[in-house]
């Protein structure tokens, strides 16, 4: 595995060097190290841990299945999740299987005006089978792309729309 990642990094470094012959080997190593240490943002897929940002009683869930797309879920998509941490006395309990709508994702999503929206964490709002939120409040920013995905009720509960 380490050898394959080194060879990929070497190929990337080599292609960077071909455009500019004047670079030294130390700058090639620095470029290689920067590429390896960058955090790669990916889809929300199976076994991804997500933060719950409503007052349904759950604190953290783990994605079991993304209901749309082969690769995984993005902003506004619905997932099936298992509750991993829950507050005592909440509406949902630990181990319960629930539906959720992804309201914040670390992977960037392009907007029609050319800008991109990207968040620091992966967060979800729990919903029932009909798509109505279980909680009565949504904490933190929520993107306006949820309007296109027909999650207007979540937008109305949100404190801040990004």
C-alpha atoms as a PDB file:
ATOM      1  CA  UNK A   1       0.000   0.000   0.000  1.00  0.00           C
ATOM      2  CA  UNK A   2       2.784   2.396   0.905  1.00  0.00           C
ATOM      3  CA  UNK A   3       4.585   1.555  -2.308  1.00  0.00           C
ATOM      4  CA  UNK A   4       1.517   2.213  -4.436  1.00  0.00           C
ATOM      5  CA  UNK A   5       0.851   5.567  -2.754  1.00  0.00           C
ATOM      6  CA  UNK A   6       4.508   6.500  -3.215  1.00  0.00           C
ATOM      7  CA  UNK A   7       4.387   5.596  -6.903  1.00  0.00           C
ATOM      8  CA  UNK A   8       1.203   7.665  -7.372  1.00  0.00           C
ATOM      9  CA  UNK A   9       2.844  10.569  -5.582  1.00  0.00           C
ATOM     10  CA  UNK A  10       5.989  10.132  -7.673  1.00  0.00           C
ATOM     11  CA  UNK A  11       3.912  10.198 -10.872  1.00  0.00           C
ATOM     12  CA  UNK A  12       2.159  13.376  -9.743  1.00  0.00           C
ATOM     13  CA  UNK A  13       5.475  14.919  -8.761  1.00  0.00           C
ATOM     14  CA  UNK A  14       6.980  13.815 -12.066  1.00  0.00           C
ATOM     15  CA  UNK A  15       4.149  15.428 -14.042  1.00  0.00           C
ATOM     16  CA  UNK A  16       4.630  18.620 -12.055  1.00  0.00           C
ATOM     17  CA  UNK A  17       8.350  18.537 -12.844  1.00  0.00           C
ATOM     18  CA  UNK A  18       7.784  18.028 -16.552  1.00  0.00           C
ATOM     19  CA  UNK A  19       6.084  21.422 -16.771  1.00  0.00           C
ATOM     20  CA  UNK A  20       8.951  23.156 -15.022  1.00  0.00           C
ATOM     21  CA  UNK A  21      12.393  21.571 -15.440  1.00  0.00           C
ATOM     22  CA  UNK A  22      14.113  24.019 -13.075  1.00  0.00           C
ATOM     23  CA  UNK A  23      12.758  22.511  -9.818  1.00  0.00           C
ATOM     24  CA  UNK A  24      15.035  20.713  -7.389  1.00  0.00           C
ATOM     25  CA  UNK A  25      14.473  17.300  -5.801  1.00  0.00           C
ATOM     26  CA  UNK A  26      13.729  18.877  -2.398  1.00  0.00           C
ATOM     27  CA  UNK A  27      10.754  20.762  -3.847  1.00  0.00           C
ATOM     28  CA  UNK A  28       9.565  17.501  -5.426  1.00  0.00           C
ATOM     29  CA  UNK A  29       9.644  15.793  -2.014  1.00  0.00           C
ATOM     30  CA  UNK A  30       7.764  18.722  -0.445  1.00  0.00           C
ATOM     31  CA  UNK A  31       5.081  18.503  -3.150  1.00  0.00           C
ATOM     32  CA  UNK A  32       4.801  14.762  -2.594  1.00  0.00           C
ATOM     33  CA  UNK A  33       4.424  15.180   1.184  1.00  0.00           C
ATOM     34  CA  UNK A  34       1.773  17.890   0.752  1.00  0.00           C
ATOM     35  CA  UNK A  35      -0.275  15.635  -1.515  1.00  0.00           C
ATOM     36  CA  UNK A  36      -0.092  12.757   0.963  1.00  0.00           C
ATOM     37  CA  UNK A  37      -1.051  14.849   3.989  1.00  0.00           C
ATOM     38  CA  UNK A  38      -4.058  16.580   2.390  1.00  0.00           C
ATOM     39  CA  UNK A  39      -7.385  15.391   3.739  1.00  0.00           C
ATOM     40  CA  UNK A  40      -9.410  13.794   0.989  1.00  0.00           C
ATOM     41  CA  UNK A  41     -13.109  14.730   1.140  1.00  0.00           C
ATOM     42  CA  UNK A  42     -15.385  11.873   0.102  1.00  0.00           C
ATOM     43  CA  UNK A  43     -19.046  10.998  -0.164  1.00  0.00           C
ATOM     44  CA  UNK A  44     -21.029   9.955   2.894  1.00  0.00           C
ATOM     45  CA  UNK A  45     -21.024   6.217   2.522  1.00  0.00           C
ATOM     46  CA  UNK A  46     -21.528   3.100   4.602  1.00  0.00           C
ATOM     47  CA  UNK A  47     -20.000   3.255   8.145  1.00  0.00           C
ATOM     48  CA  UNK A  48     -19.551   7.051   8.056  1.00  0.00           C
ATOM     49  CA  UNK A  49     -20.170   8.666  11.448  1.00  0.00           C
ATOM     50  CA  UNK A  50     -22.352  11.777  11.345  1.00  0.00           C
ATOM     51  CA  UNK A  51     -23.284  14.388  13.921  1.00  0.00           C
ATOM     52  CA  UNK A  52     -27.005  14.865  14.613  1.00  0.00           C
ATOM     53  CA  UNK A  53     -27.961  18.564  14.640  1.00  0.00           C
ATOM     54  CA  UNK A  54     -31.539  18.452  15.877  1.00  0.00           C
ATOM     55  CA  UNK A  55     -33.211  17.892  19.245  1.00  0.00           C
ATOM     56  CA  UNK A  56     -34.508  14.381  18.534  1.00  0.00           C
ATOM     57  CA  UNK A  57     -32.311  12.900  21.280  1.00  0.00           C
ATOM     58  CA  UNK A  58     -29.565  11.331  19.159  1.00  0.00           C
ATOM     59  CA  UNK A  59     -26.036  12.736  19.260  1.00  0.00           C
ATOM     60  CA  UNK A  60     -24.213  10.584  16.707  1.00  0.00           C
ATOM     61  CA  UNK A  61     -25.329   8.153  14.008  1.00  0.00           C
ATOM     62  CA  UNK A  62     -23.551   5.789  11.632  1.00  0.00           C
ATOM     63  CA  UNK A  63     -24.659   5.549   8.025  1.00  0.00           C
ATOM     64  CA  UNK A  64     -25.942   2.109   7.041  1.00  0.00           C
ATOM     65  CA  UNK A  65     -27.011   2.892   3.493  1.00  0.00           C
ATOM     66  CA  UNK A  66     -27.312   5.868   1.157  1.00  0.00           C
ATOM     67  CA  UNK A  67     -30.709   5.696  -0.507  1.00  0.00           C
ATOM     68  CA  UNK A  68     -29.597   7.421  -3.706  1.00  0.00           C
ATOM     69  CA  UNK A  69     -26.498   6.942  -5.815  1.00  0.00           C
ATOM     70  CA  UNK A  70     -23.861   4.240  -5.994  1.00  0.00           C
ATOM     71  CA  UNK A  71     -21.002   6.217  -4.489  1.00  0.00           C
ATOM     72  CA  UNK A  72     -22.819   7.649  -1.492  1.00  0.00           C
ATOM     73  CA  UNK A  73     -24.843  10.564  -0.201  1.00  0.00           C
ATOM     74  CA  UNK A  74     -24.264  14.298  -0.612  1.00  0.00           C
ATOM     75  CA  UNK A  75     -26.082  17.419   0.599  1.00  0.00           C
ATOM     76  CA  UNK A  76     -29.835  16.891   0.749  1.00  0.00           C
ATOM     77  CA  UNK A  77     -29.764  13.129   0.215  1.00  0.00           C
ATOM     78  CA  UNK A  78     -31.559  10.711   2.529  1.00  0.00           C
ATOM     79  CA  UNK A  79     -29.665   7.972   4.350  1.00  0.00           C
ATOM     80  CA  UNK A  80     -30.523   5.061   6.628  1.00  0.00           C
ATOM     81  CA  UNK A  81     -28.540   5.248   9.868  1.00  0.00           C
ATOM     82  CA  UNK A  82     -28.074   3.513  13.201  1.00  0.00           C
ATOM     83  CA  UNK A  83     -28.033   5.613  16.378  1.00  0.00           C
ATOM     84  CA  UNK A  84     -24.672   5.208  18.152  1.00  0.00           C
ATOM     85  CA  UNK A  85     -25.017   7.811  20.925  1.00  0.00           C
ATOM     86  CA  UNK A  86     -28.260   9.169  22.353  1.00  0.00           C
ATOM     87  CA  UNK A  87     -29.364  11.377  25.224  1.00  0.00           C
ATOM     88  CA  UNK A  88     -31.408   9.710  27.940  1.00  0.00           C
ATOM     89  CA  UNK A  89     -35.108  10.499  27.617  1.00  0.00           C
ATOM     90  CA  UNK A  90     -34.941  11.443  23.942  1.00  0.00           C
ATOM     91  CA  UNK A  91     -37.325  10.475  21.154  1.00  0.00           C
ATOM     92  CA  UNK A  92     -34.825   8.034  19.634  1.00  0.00           C
ATOM     93  CA  UNK A  93     -32.800   5.410  21.495  1.00  0.00           C
ATOM     94  CA  UNK A  94     -29.342   3.922  20.993  1.00  0.00           C
ATOM     95  CA  UNK A  95     -29.359   1.109  18.421  1.00  0.00           C
ATOM     96  CA  UNK A  96     -32.503   2.319  16.665  1.00  0.00           C
ATOM     97  CA  UNK A  97     -32.490   2.426  12.851  1.00  0.00           C
ATOM     98  CA  UNK A  98     -33.605   5.837  11.566  1.00  0.00           C
ATOM     99  CA  UNK A  99     -33.769   7.885   8.367  1.00  0.00           C
ATOM    100  CA  UNK A 100     -31.798  11.110   8.067  1.00  0.00           C
ATOM    101  CA  UNK A 101     -31.245  13.983   5.642  1.00  0.00           C
ATOM    102  CA  UNK A 102     -27.661  15.165   5.134  1.00  0.00           C
ATOM    103  CA  UNK A 103     -27.600  18.902   5.928  1.00  0.00           C
ATOM    104  CA  UNK A 104     -23.818  19.428   6.119  1.00  0.00           C
ATOM    105  CA  UNK A 105     -21.137  17.533   4.209  1.00  0.00           C
ATOM    106  CA  UNK A 106     -17.384  17.935   4.124  1.00  0.00           C
ATOM    107  CA  UNK A 107     -17.364  17.247   0.378  1.00  0.00           C
ATOM    108  CA  UNK A 108     -17.846  20.368  -1.712  1.00  0.00           C
ATOM    109  CA  UNK A 109     -20.959  20.835  -3.810  1.00  0.00           C
ATOM    110  CA  UNK A 110     -21.027  23.206  -6.754  1.00  0.00           C
ATOM    111  CA  UNK A 111     -23.718  25.846  -7.038  1.00  0.00           C
ATOM    112  CA  UNK A 112     -25.211  27.181 -10.257  1.00  0.00           C
ATOM    113  CA  UNK A 113     -23.518  30.576  -9.805  1.00  0.00           C
ATOM    114  CA  UNK A 114     -20.094  28.913  -9.932  1.00  0.00           C
ATOM    115  CA  UNK A 115     -19.341  28.959  -6.193  1.00  0.00           C
ATOM    116  CA  UNK A 116     -18.899  25.869  -4.050  1.00  0.00           C
ATOM    117  CA  UNK A 117     -20.263  25.133  -0.588  1.00  0.00           C
ATOM    118  CA  UNK A 118     -18.283  22.934   1.822  1.00  0.00           C
ATOM    119  CA  UNK A 119     -18.659  22.427   5.582  1.00  0.00           C
ATOM    120  CA  UNK A 120     -16.219  21.356   8.290  1.00  0.00           C
ATOM    121  CA  UNK A 121     -18.234  18.358   9.449  1.00  0.00           C
ATOM    122  CA  UNK A 122     -20.802  15.819   8.306  1.00  0.00           C
ATOM    123  CA  UNK A 123     -24.188  16.421   9.921  1.00  0.00           C
ATOM    124  CA  UNK A 124     -27.673  14.980   9.576  1.00  0.00           C
ATOM    125  CA  UNK A 125     -31.247  15.786  10.635  1.00  0.00           C
ATOM    126  CA  UNK A 126     -33.348  12.760  11.568  1.00  0.00           C
ATOM    127  CA  UNK A 127     -36.643  12.341   9.699  1.00  0.00           C
ATOM    128  CA  UNK A 128     -39.458   9.763   9.664  1.00  0.00           C
ATOM    129  CA  UNK A 129     -40.438   7.649   6.665  1.00  0.00           C
ATOM    130  CA  UNK A 130     -42.572  10.478   5.253  1.00  0.00           C
ATOM    131  CA  UNK A 131     -39.600  12.888   5.350  1.00  0.00           C
ATOM    132  CA  UNK A 132     -40.841  15.040   8.255  1.00  0.00           C
ATOM    133  CA  UNK A 133     -38.244  15.979  10.900  1.00  0.00           C
ATOM    134  CA  UNK A 134     -38.413  14.102  14.222  1.00  0.00           C
ATOM    135  CA  UNK A 135     -37.012  17.043  16.205  1.00  0.00           C
ATOM    136  CA  UNK A 136     -38.454  20.536  16.527  1.00  0.00           C
ATOM    137  CA  UNK A 137     -35.224  22.533  16.209  1.00  0.00           C
ATOM    138  CA  UNK A 138     -32.229  22.408  13.834  1.00  0.00           C
ATOM    139  CA  UNK A 139     -28.885  23.759  15.052  1.00  0.00           C
ATOM    140  CA  UNK A 140     -26.220  25.402  12.919  1.00  0.00           C
ATOM    141  CA  UNK A 141     -26.169  26.449   9.269  1.00  0.00           C
ATOM    142  CA  UNK A 142     -28.165  24.573   6.642  1.00  0.00           C
ATOM    143  CA  UNK A 143     -27.623  25.057   2.871  1.00  0.00           C
ATOM    144  CA  UNK A 144     -30.443  26.361   0.708  1.00  0.00           C
ATOM    145  CA  UNK A 145     -29.956  23.402  -1.668  1.00  0.00           C
ATOM    146  CA  UNK A 146     -32.405  21.519   0.560  1.00  0.00           C
ATOM    147  CA  UNK A 147     -35.210  23.537  -1.039  1.00  0.00           C
ATOM    148  CA  UNK A 148     -34.577  21.790  -4.370  1.00  0.00           C
ATOM    149  CA  UNK A 149     -34.686  18.407  -2.636  1.00  0.00           C
ATOM    150  CA  UNK A 150     -38.138  19.186  -1.127  1.00  0.00           C
ATOM    151  CA  UNK A 151     -36.947  19.487   2.504  1.00  0.00           C
ATOM    152  CA  UNK A 152     -38.598  22.865   3.129  1.00  0.00           C
ATOM    153  CA  UNK A 153     -39.662  21.899   6.670  1.00  0.00           C
ATOM    154  CA  UNK A 154     -35.997  21.488   7.685  1.00  0.00           C
ATOM    155  CA  UNK A 155     -35.217  24.908   6.231  1.00  0.00           C
ATOM    156  CA  UNK A 156     -38.024  26.480   8.225  1.00  0.00           C
ATOM    157  CA  UNK A 157     -36.690  24.948  11.465  1.00  0.00           C
ATOM    158  CA  UNK A 158     -33.077  25.992  10.817  1.00  0.00           C
ATOM    159  CA  UNK A 159     -31.447  28.888  12.654  1.00  0.00           C
ATOM    160  CA  UNK A 160     -29.230  29.967   9.773  1.00  0.00           C
ATOM    161  CA  UNK A 161     -29.482  29.236   6.038  1.00  0.00           C
ATOM    162  CA  UNK A 162     -26.137  29.253   4.197  1.00  0.00           C
END
